[in-house]
Amino acid sequence: MVAVSRPMSKESSSKNYDFLTLDDVKTSGKRIFLRVDINVPIDPSTDEILDDTRIRAISDTLKELEDARVILGSHQSRPGKDDFTSLEPHAQRIARYCSQDVSFVDDVMGPLARQRILRVKPGEILVLDNLRFCSEENLDDKPEKLVKTHLVKRFAKLFDLNVNDAFATAHRSQPSLVGLPEVLPSVAGRLTERELKAVSMLLVNPARPCVYVLGGSKFEDKIPVMEHILAKGKADKVLLGGVPGKVFLRAMNPDIPLGDSLPPDIEKEMDRARSILKNYGDQIQAPIDLAYAMKGKRIDCSLNSLPNDGAALDVGMRTVEKYAKLIEGAATVVANGPLGVFERDGFDLGTRTVLESIAKNNGYTVIGGGHLIGLASMEGMETKFKHVSTAGGAMLSLLAGQRLPGVDALVRAAARMRAEGLQITKHTSQGNQ
């Protein structure tokens, strides 16, 4: 059993995540539902996987389940999006990173899937098709509602054990994540265990100075993080880029001509940004220059010479240099989201340089968010950080002090398993408990 410090809201901050892991259960020969999150970037025109970081991240769990009957479930995107597609390419990629025989079934819980699940042998992996092809898996509801879904009822009859290694989706409350642990013995996989430990370290007693770098195209998910880490005294500096950087520039100076750089709906969050600046202004670092595309070239502009139209596509060089120095002197560095539109030639400079600075830091370094991880992977820098989180939303939820329904479900499952005296632990099987 692992107890991980639980960075929750005020009323639950004294509790711990007290769940079971693969250390606590026998898996040999068991029919196991392994819920993972291998929702990866895909070229919608070819179904080609563009970055398989999340697939490689489940390798440790798959290795420990080599002698089990593994049925693997995940989702890919959501209905209505271009990359909402089959998991057949994922199954082919999984086969590269494990020793088991891997097969795929283009069904989730229908007769074909159930027949194939029952025929899986020890040492084999069966990959189900996209779980969100089932409309029920798109529900986000309370556990008592989720256990009544057909998916949970059918899967409950098929499996001996549920292993949740889908940390990146732990902030969702859906049938395979929250419903199944209510009815099946359930434990955390190695990735979920590792992610929770890594992020929790940031919220317990991080080494100082502790510097956060927050960027990306979303603003609303960074505000709660800033409020929490600053109020709890867990960050010394917050360096901003992307949309959050531009929003805080506007909050600092309402007259700054940011034009097309700002999203249309920021006003609803502007009061929170101003409140953060009022309380923690000396800890907030917004860009001191911005980069624009002019006549096909990157042009860096100081804040007093910004153009009246066009969108800023990156932080400027002076900002990059300032951030690099702050990162160099930090003992803990956390980064989530790119600082600019790094996909455009010439405007990856800010994100790339900051990533390189973090990679050179010998302290406790954590990066998260799909785009940032993708760039780190492309640049061959993945191994240069202490922890690379596969999660975007779940990591931000934890840093914002919020509950993770998927992990809470594992905690409840562990309590139920103990109360029922289920004889599944390795220690029990050896007579040592």
Protein backbone atom coordinates (compact mmCIF):
# COMPACT_ATOMS: atom_id res chain seq x y z
CA MET A 1 0.00 0.00 0.00
CA VAL A 2 1.23 3.50 -0.77
CA ALA A 3 0.38 6.61 1.18
CA VAL A 4 0.93 9.77 -0.85
CA SER A 5 0.51 13.23 0.59
CA ARG A 6 -2.85 14.49 -0.58
CA PRO A 7 -2.79 18.08 -1.82
CA MET A 8 -6.47 18.75 -1.47
CA SER A 9 -8.86 21.47 -0.44
CA LYS A 10 -8.74 22.84 3.08
CA GLU A 11 -11.20 20.37 4.51
CA SER A 12 -9.31 17.35 3.19
CA SER A 13 -5.71 18.53 3.34
CA SER A 14 -4.90 16.39 6.38
CA LYS A 15 -5.81 13.12 4.63
CA ASN A 16 -3.64 10.89 2.46
CA TYR A 17 -4.16 9.00 -0.73
CA ASP A 18 -4.29 5.53 0.77
CA PHE A 19 -4.65 3.12 -2.12
CA LEU A 20 -3.29 -0.29 -3.12
CA THR A 21 -0.73 -0.90 -5.85
CA LEU A 22 0.64 -3.85 -7.79
CA ASP A 23 2.83 -4.57 -4.77
CA ASP A 24 -0.30 -5.61 -2.88
CA VAL A 25 -1.93 -8.07 -5.27
CA LYS A 26 -1.30 -11.35 -7.03
CA THR A 27 -1.61 -10.92 -10.78
CA SER A 28 -0.33 -14.19 -12.24
CA GLY A 29 -3.04 -15.83 -14.31
CA LYS A 30 -5.62 -13.21 -13.33
CA ARG A 31 -7.92 -11.64 -15.91
CA ILE A 32 -7.15 -7.96 -15.48
CA PHE A 33 -8.78 -4.85 -16.90
CA LEU A 34 -5.96 -2.36 -17.32
CA ARG A 35 -7.28 1.17 -17.79
CA VAL A 36 -4.64 3.41 -19.32
CA ASP A 37 -4.60 6.81 -21.00
CA ILE A 38 -2.90 6.45 -24.37
CA ASN A 39 -4.79 9.36 -25.88
CA VAL A 40 -2.00 10.54 -28.17
CA PRO A 41 -1.47 13.11 -30.95
CA ILE A 42 -2.65 11.61 -34.24
CA ASP A 43 -2.57 12.80 -37.83
CA PRO A 44 -6.33 12.67 -38.63
CA SER A 45 -5.67 12.19 -42.35
CA THR A 46 -3.55 9.06 -41.90
CA ASP A 47 -4.28 7.87 -38.32
CA GLU A 48 -0.52 7.94 -37.80
CA ILE A 49 0.62 8.36 -34.19
CA LEU A 50 2.77 11.49 -33.97
CA ASP A 51 4.07 11.06 -30.41
CA ASP A 52 3.92 7.82 -28.38
CA THR A 53 5.17 9.15 -25.03
CA ARG A 54 2.03 8.04 -23.23
CA ILE A 55 2.24 4.57 -24.74
CA ARG A 56 5.85 4.13 -23.66
CA ALA A 57 4.93 5.38 -20.18
CA ILE A 58 2.84 2.28 -19.39
CA SER A 59 5.73 -0.10 -20.12
CA ASP A 60 6.60 -0.68 -16.45
CA THR A 61 3.06 -1.74 -15.64
CA LEU A 62 2.87 -4.05 -18.66
CA LYS A 63 6.15 -5.67 -17.68
CA GLU A 64 4.79 -6.51 -14.22
CA LEU A 65 1.72 -8.08 -15.80
CA GLU A 66 3.64 -10.39 -18.14
CA ASP A 67 2.03 -13.52 -16.71
CA ALA A 68 -1.49 -12.12 -16.43
CA ARG A 69 -4.41 -12.07 -18.86
CA VAL A 70 -4.46 -8.34 -19.70
CA ILE A 71 -7.37 -6.58 -21.35
CA LEU A 72 -6.35 -3.00 -22.01
CA GLY A 73 -8.81 -0.15 -22.33
CA SER A 74 -8.29 3.50 -23.20
CA HIS A 75 -9.92 6.37 -25.03
CA GLN A 76 -8.70 8.45 -27.95
CA SER A 77 -10.00 12.02 -28.09
CA ARG A 78 -13.76 12.55 -27.87
CA PRO A 79 -16.80 12.47 -30.20
CA GLY A 80 -16.82 15.25 -32.76
CA LYS A 81 -13.05 15.72 -32.99
CA ASP A 82 -10.90 14.83 -35.99
CA ASP A 83 -8.71 12.45 -33.98
CA PHE A 84 -11.62 10.52 -32.46
CA THR A 85 -10.63 7.19 -33.93
CA SER A 86 -9.90 3.51 -33.40
CA LEU A 87 -7.18 2.20 -31.09
CA GLU A 88 -5.86 -0.27 -33.66
CA PRO A 89 -2.74 1.86 -34.35
CA HIS A 90 -2.20 2.11 -30.60
CA ALA A 91 -2.27 -1.67 -30.25
CA GLN A 92 0.40 -1.98 -32.93
CA ARG A 93 2.56 0.58 -31.12
CA ILE A 94 2.06 -1.11 -27.72
CA ALA A 95 3.50 -4.31 -29.21
CA ARG A 96 6.83 -2.49 -29.69
CA TYR A 97 7.22 -1.81 -25.98
CA CYS A 98 6.22 -5.06 -24.27
CA SER A 99 7.11 -8.75 -24.37
CA GLN A 100 3.51 -10.04 -24.50
CA ASP A 101 1.54 -11.01 -27.59
CA VAL A 102 -0.74 -8.08 -28.40
CA SER A 103 -4.02 -8.34 -30.30
CA PHE A 104 -6.84 -5.90 -31.03
CA VAL A 105 -10.62 -6.21 -31.19
CA ASP A 106 -12.80 -3.60 -32.87
CA ASP A 107 -15.39 -3.78 -30.13
CA VAL A 108 -15.61 -2.59 -26.52
CA MET A 109 -18.28 -4.48 -24.61
CA GLY A 110 -20.39 -6.21 -27.26
CA PRO A 111 -20.57 -9.98 -27.85
CA LEU A 112 -17.35 -10.06 -29.89
CA ALA A 113 -15.37 -8.21 -27.22
CA ARG A 114 -16.72 -10.40 -24.42
CA GLN A 115 -15.88 -13.58 -26.33
CA ARG A 116 -12.34 -12.38 -27.01
CA ILE A 117 -11.86 -11.26 -23.39
CA LEU A 118 -12.74 -14.74 -22.13
CA ARG A 119 -10.22 -16.33 -24.52
CA VAL A 120 -7.21 -14.23 -23.50
CA LYS A 121 -4.41 -16.44 -22.12
CA PRO A 122 -1.72 -15.63 -19.54
CA GLY A 123 1.01 -13.62 -21.21
CA GLU A 124 -1.35 -12.02 -23.74
CA ILE A 125 -2.72 -8.50 -24.10
CA LEU A 126 -6.03 -7.73 -25.78
CA VAL A 127 -6.57 -4.07 -26.67
CA LEU A 128 -10.21 -3.04 -26.77
CA ASP A 129 -11.33 -0.37 -29.18
CA ASN A 130 -11.80 3.25 -28.14
CA LEU A 131 -13.83 3.15 -24.91
CA ARG A 132 -15.55 6.39 -25.88
CA PHE A 133 -17.16 4.62 -28.82
CA CYS A 134 -19.55 3.60 -26.00
CA SER A 135 -21.70 6.64 -25.23
CA GLU A 136 -21.69 5.74 -21.52
CA GLU A 137 -17.92 6.31 -21.29
CA ASN A 138 -18.53 9.96 -22.16
CA LEU A 139 -20.57 10.43 -18.99
CA ASP A 140 -19.08 12.40 -16.12
CA ASP A 141 -21.16 11.59 -13.07
CA LYS A 142 -21.24 10.40 -9.47
CA PRO A 143 -20.02 6.87 -8.63
CA GLU A 144 -23.49 5.68 -7.69
CA LYS A 145 -24.72 6.57 -11.18
CA LEU A 146 -21.70 5.13 -12.97
CA VAL A 147 -22.02 1.67 -11.39
CA LYS A 148 -25.42 1.36 -13.08
CA THR A 149 -23.99 1.69 -16.58
CA HIS A 150 -23.95 -1.32 -18.90
CA LEU A 151 -20.18 -1.01 -19.26
CA VAL A 152 -19.58 -1.44 -15.53
CA LYS A 153 -22.17 -4.21 -15.14
CA ARG A 154 -20.72 -6.23 -18.01
CA PHE A 155 -17.07 -5.72 -17.11
CA ALA A 156 -17.71 -6.57 -13.45
CA LYS A 157 -18.56 -10.14 -14.51
CA LEU A 158 -15.47 -10.57 -16.65
CA PHE A 159 -12.50 -9.48 -14.56
CA ASP A 160 -10.68 -10.55 -11.41
CA LEU A 161 -8.88 -7.26 -10.93
CA ASN A 162 -8.99 -3.67 -12.14
CA VAL A 163 -5.69 -1.76 -12.53
CA ASN A 164 -5.93 1.97 -13.10
CA ASP A 165 -2.85 3.40 -14.80
CA ALA A 166 -4.71 6.30 -16.44
CA PHE A 167 -3.40 9.15 -14.29
CA ALA A 168 -3.79 11.64 -17.12
CA THR A 169 -7.55 11.06 -16.97
CA ALA A 170 -7.83 10.83 -13.18
CA HIS A 171 -9.61 14.21 -13.04
CA ARG A 172 -12.57 12.66 -14.89
CA SER A 173 -15.43 10.74 -13.27
CA GLN A 174 -16.36 8.19 -15.92
CA PRO A 175 -17.50 4.54 -15.80
CA SER A 176 -14.15 2.85 -16.51
CA LEU A 177 -12.30 5.19 -14.14
CA VAL A 178 -14.68 5.59 -11.22
CA GLY A 179 -17.48 3.06 -11.73
CA LEU A 180 -15.35 -0.09 -12.02
CA PRO A 181 -13.40 0.45 -8.76
CA GLU A 182 -16.74 0.44 -6.95
CA VAL A 183 -17.41 -3.17 -7.97
CA LEU A 184 -14.00 -4.76 -8.66
CA PRO A 185 -10.84 -5.17 -6.58
CA SER A 186 -8.82 -2.20 -7.82
CA VAL A 187 -5.23 -0.97 -7.53
CA ALA A 188 -3.04 1.72 -9.05
CA GLY A 189 -0.61 0.91 -11.83
CA ARG A 190 3.02 1.99 -11.74
CA LEU A 191 2.50 5.13 -13.81
CA THR A 192 -0.33 6.41 -11.60
CA GLU A 193 1.73 5.65 -8.52
CA ARG A 194 4.78 7.42 -9.93
CA GLU A 195 2.83 10.48 -11.10
CA LEU A 196 1.13 11.01 -7.74
CA LYS A 197 4.41 10.78 -5.86
CA ALA A 198 6.13 13.23 -8.22
CA VAL A 199 3.44 15.89 -8.15
CA SER A 200 2.82 15.50 -4.42
CA MET A 201 6.48 16.28 -3.76
CA LEU A 202 5.87 19.70 -5.26
CA LEU A 203 3.13 20.45 -2.76
CA VAL A 204 4.63 19.06 0.42
CA ASN A 205 8.05 20.60 0.90
CA PRO A 206 9.63 21.62 -2.42
CA ALA A 207 13.31 22.57 -2.43
CA ARG A 208 13.81 26.34 -2.68
CA PRO A 209 13.79 28.47 -4.69
CA CYS A 210 10.79 26.89 -6.42
CA VAL A 211 10.00 28.31 -9.86
CA TYR A 212 6.90 27.60 -11.97
CA VAL A 213 6.73 28.22 -15.72
CA LEU A 214 3.13 28.37 -16.94
CA GLY A 215 2.06 28.86 -20.55
CA GLY A 216 -0.19 27.28 -23.13
CA SER A 217 -3.29 28.38 -24.98
CA LYS A 218 -5.62 28.09 -21.98
CA PHE A 219 -5.83 30.62 -19.20
CA GLU A 220 -8.65 29.33 -17.05
CA ASP A 221 -6.81 26.18 -15.92
CA LYS A 222 -3.67 28.07 -14.83
CA ILE A 223 -5.42 30.59 -12.57
CA PRO A 224 -6.46 27.99 -9.92
CA VAL A 225 -2.90 26.62 -9.92
CA MET A 226 -1.43 30.06 -9.31
CA GLU A 227 -3.93 30.82 -6.57
CA HIS A 228 -3.19 27.57 -4.77
CA ILE A 229 0.60 27.38 -4.97
CA LEU A 230 1.01 31.04 -4.03
CA ALA A 231 -1.50 30.96 -1.19
CA LYS A 232 0.12 27.82 0.22
CA GLY A 233 3.62 29.29 -0.14
CA LYS A 234 4.79 26.51 -2.47
CA ALA A 235 6.20 28.75 -5.22
CA ASP A 236 8.76 31.55 -5.09
CA LYS A 237 8.37 32.74 -8.69
CA VAL A 238 5.80 32.13 -11.42
CA LEU A 239 7.07 32.83 -14.93
CA LEU A 240 4.32 33.31 -17.50
CA GLY A 241 4.11 32.85 -21.24
CA GLY A 242 1.51 31.93 -23.83
CA VAL A 243 -2.01 33.18 -23.16
CA PRO A 244 -1.50 33.42 -19.35
CA GLY A 245 1.43 35.78 -19.95
CA LYS A 246 -0.62 38.07 -22.18
CA VAL A 247 -3.58 38.07 -19.80
CA PHE A 248 -1.40 39.14 -16.89
CA LEU A 249 0.21 41.83 -19.03
CA ARG A 250 -3.28 43.22 -19.64
CA ALA A 251 -4.09 42.95 -15.93
CA MET A 252 -0.90 44.89 -15.14
CA ASN A 253 -1.58 47.53 -17.79
CA PRO A 254 -5.13 47.83 -19.25
CA ASP A 255 -3.86 50.14 -22.02
CA ILE A 256 -1.25 47.77 -23.45
CA PRO A 257 -2.09 47.12 -27.15
CA LEU A 258 -2.29 43.34 -27.26
CA GLY A 259 -4.87 43.29 -30.07
CA ASP A 260 -5.46 39.80 -31.44
CA SER A 261 -3.19 38.24 -28.80
CA LEU A 262 -5.97 37.89 -26.24
CA PRO A 263 -8.82 35.37 -26.29
CA PRO A 264 -12.28 36.96 -26.42
CA ASP A 265 -13.53 35.61 -23.08
CA ILE A 266 -10.76 36.68 -20.70
CA GLU A 267 -12.73 39.39 -18.92
CA LYS A 268 -14.52 36.84 -16.74
CA GLU A 269 -11.15 35.81 -15.27
CA MET A 270 -9.52 39.23 -15.18
CA ASP A 271 -10.65 39.98 -11.63
CA ARG A 272 -8.91 36.82 -10.42
CA ALA A 273 -5.74 37.83 -12.26
CA ARG A 274 -5.83 41.28 -10.65
CA SER A 275 -6.37 39.70 -7.24
CA ILE A 276 -3.32 37.46 -7.71
CA LEU A 277 -1.25 40.48 -8.71
CA LYS A 278 -2.47 42.45 -5.71
CA ASN A 279 -1.54 39.69 -3.26
CA TYR A 280 1.51 38.16 -4.93
CA GLY A 281 2.66 40.67 -7.54
CA ASP A 282 6.32 40.46 -6.58
CA GLN A 283 6.28 36.71 -7.32
CA ILE A 284 4.68 37.02 -10.77
CA GLN A 285 6.91 37.52 -13.82
CA ALA A 286 5.11 38.37 -17.06
CA PRO A 287 6.94 38.78 -20.40
CA ILE A 288 8.98 41.96 -20.83
CA ASP A 289 8.91 41.69 -24.63
CA LEU A 290 6.92 39.76 -27.24
CA ALA A 291 7.61 38.32 -30.69
CA TYR A 292 5.44 39.01 -33.76
CA ALA A 293 5.46 37.85 -37.36
CA MET A 294 6.16 40.82 -39.61
CA LYS A 295 6.77 40.44 -43.36
CA GLY A 296 7.51 36.78 -42.84
CA LYS A 297 10.08 37.31 -40.11
CA ARG A 298 10.16 37.09 -36.33
CA ILE A 299 10.38 40.56 -34.80
CA ASP A 300 10.83 41.06 -31.04
CA CYS A 301 9.06 44.13 -29.65
CA SER A 302 9.44 45.78 -26.26
CA LEU A 303 6.23 46.43 -24.35
CA ASN A 304 6.27 50.15 -25.21
CA SER A 305 6.50 49.46 -28.93
CA LEU A 306 3.95 46.70 -29.53
CA PRO A 307 2.05 46.81 -32.85
CA ASN A 308 -1.62 47.73 -32.76
CA ASP A 309 -2.68 44.67 -34.73
CA GLY A 310 -1.56 41.11 -35.16
CA ALA A 311 -0.98 38.47 -32.49
CA ALA A 312 2.10 37.91 -30.36
CA LEU A 313 3.34 34.41 -31.19
CA ASP A 314 6.11 34.00 -28.60
CA VAL A 315 7.85 35.68 -25.70
CA GLY A 316 10.78 37.89 -26.73
CA MET A 317 14.49 37.25 -26.33
CA ARG A 318 14.87 39.54 -23.31
CA THR A 319 12.12 37.57 -21.57
CA VAL A 320 13.81 34.29 -22.49
CA GLU A 321 17.12 35.45 -21.06
CA LYS A 322 15.48 36.63 -17.83
CA TYR A 323 13.56 33.37 -17.40
CA ALA A 324 16.66 31.29 -18.10
CA LYS A 325 18.56 33.02 -15.29
CA LEU A 326 15.71 32.50 -12.82
CA ILE A 327 15.51 28.82 -13.79
CA GLU A 328 19.27 28.42 -13.46
CA GLY A 329 19.13 29.54 -9.84
CA ALA A 330 16.14 27.37 -8.87
CA ALA A 331 16.20 24.17 -6.83
CA THR A 332 12.75 23.11 -8.06
CA VAL A 333 11.32 23.90 -11.50
CA VAL A 334 7.82 23.02 -12.71
CA ALA A 335 6.70 23.75 -16.27
CA ASN A 336 3.33 23.26 -17.93
CA GLY A 337 2.45 24.56 -21.37
CA PRO A 338 4.51 26.19 -24.15
CA LEU A 339 5.43 29.89 -24.06
CA GLY A 340 4.41 30.51 -27.65
CA VAL A 341 3.13 29.02 -30.90
CA PHE A 342 6.10 26.69 -31.11
CA GLU A 343 4.72 24.87 -34.15
CA ARG A 344 5.49 27.94 -36.29
CA ASP A 345 9.02 28.26 -37.58
CA GLY A 346 10.95 30.83 -35.56
CA PHE A 347 8.42 31.01 -32.73
CA ASP A 348 9.62 27.94 -30.88
CA LEU A 349 12.56 29.91 -29.51
CA GLY A 350 10.99 30.80 -26.16
CA THR A 351 9.69 27.34 -25.34
CA ARG A 352 12.77 25.55 -26.64
CA THR A 353 15.24 27.77 -24.76
CA VAL A 354 13.32 27.51 -21.49
CA LEU A 355 13.12 23.71 -21.87
CA GLU A 356 16.87 23.59 -22.43
CA SER A 357 17.40 25.71 -19.29
CA ILE A 358 15.24 23.36 -17.24
CA ALA A 359 17.06 20.34 -18.67
CA LYS A 360 20.39 21.78 -17.51
CA ASN A 361 19.09 22.38 -13.98
CA ASN A 362 20.31 19.77 -11.49
CA GLY A 363 17.43 20.29 -9.07
CA TYR A 364 13.98 18.66 -9.00
CA THR A 365 12.53 19.35 -12.46
CA VAL A 366 9.02 18.42 -13.61
CA ILE A 367 7.39 19.14 -16.96
CA GLY A 368 3.83 18.39 -18.01
CA GLY A 369 1.26 19.07 -20.71
CA GLY A 370 1.06 17.37 -24.09
CA HIS A 371 2.62 20.10 -26.22
CA LEU A 372 5.56 20.64 -23.88
CA ILE A 373 6.24 16.93 -23.61
CA GLY A 374 5.93 16.55 -27.37
CA LEU A 375 8.57 19.21 -27.97
CA ALA A 376 10.86 17.70 -25.33
CA SER A 377 10.46 14.32 -27.04
CA MET A 378 11.23 15.74 -30.48
CA GLU A 379 14.35 17.40 -29.09
CA GLY A 380 15.52 14.25 -27.31
CA MET A 381 15.35 15.92 -23.88
CA GLU A 382 12.86 13.60 -22.15
CA THR A 383 15.45 11.89 -19.97
CA LYS A 384 16.94 15.17 -18.74
CA PHE A 385 14.09 15.96 -16.35
CA LYS A 386 13.46 14.34 -12.99
CA HIS A 387 9.85 13.68 -13.97
CA VAL A 388 7.92 14.00 -17.21
CA SER A 389 4.21 13.92 -16.44
CA THR A 390 1.91 12.31 -18.99
CA ALA A 391 -0.91 14.42 -17.62
CA GLY A 392 -2.13 17.88 -18.46
CA GLY A 393 -5.47 18.38 -16.73
CA ALA A 394 -4.87 15.91 -13.90
CA MET A 395 -1.50 17.46 -13.05
CA LEU A 396 -3.01 20.94 -13.05
CA SER A 397 -5.94 19.75 -10.92
CA LEU A 398 -3.54 18.40 -8.30
CA LEU A 399 -1.46 21.58 -8.33
CA ALA A 400 -4.67 23.56 -7.90
CA GLY A 401 -5.53 21.55 -4.77
CA GLN A 402 -8.47 19.76 -6.35
CA ARG A 403 -9.70 16.20 -5.94
CA LEU A 404 -9.00 13.53 -8.53
CA PRO A 405 -12.10 11.31 -8.83
CA GLY A 406 -10.12 8.46 -10.40
CA VAL A 407 -7.73 8.30 -7.46
CA ASP A 408 -10.46 8.78 -4.85
CA ALA A 409 -12.14 5.71 -6.38
CA LEU A 410 -8.96 3.69 -5.75
CA VAL A 411 -8.92 4.86 -2.14
CA ARG A 412 -12.50 3.69 -1.64
CA ALA A 413 -11.70 0.39 -3.32
CA ALA A 414 -8.76 -0.20 -0.98
CA ALA A 415 -10.92 0.48 2.07
CA ARG A 416 -13.58 -1.92 0.81
CA MET A 417 -11.04 -4.62 0.01
CA ARG A 418 -9.64 -4.45 3.53
CA ALA A 419 -13.09 -4.42 5.11
CA GLU A 420 -14.14 -7.45 3.09
CA GLY A 421 -10.89 -9.23 3.92
CA LEU A 422 -10.23 -10.09 0.29
CA GLN A 423 -7.42 -12.65 0.13
CA ILE A 424 -5.61 -11.15 -2.81
CA THR A 425 -2.47 -9.59 -1.35
CA LYS A 426 0.91 -11.12 -1.94
CA HIS A 427 1.62 -10.91 1.76
CA THR A 428 -1.54 -12.86 2.52
CA SER A 429 -0.65 -15.55 0.01
CA GLN A 430 2.69 -15.96 1.75
CA GLY A 431 1.18 -16.06 5.21
CA ASN A 432 2.99 -12.95 6.32
CA GLN A 433 0.14 -10.55 6.92
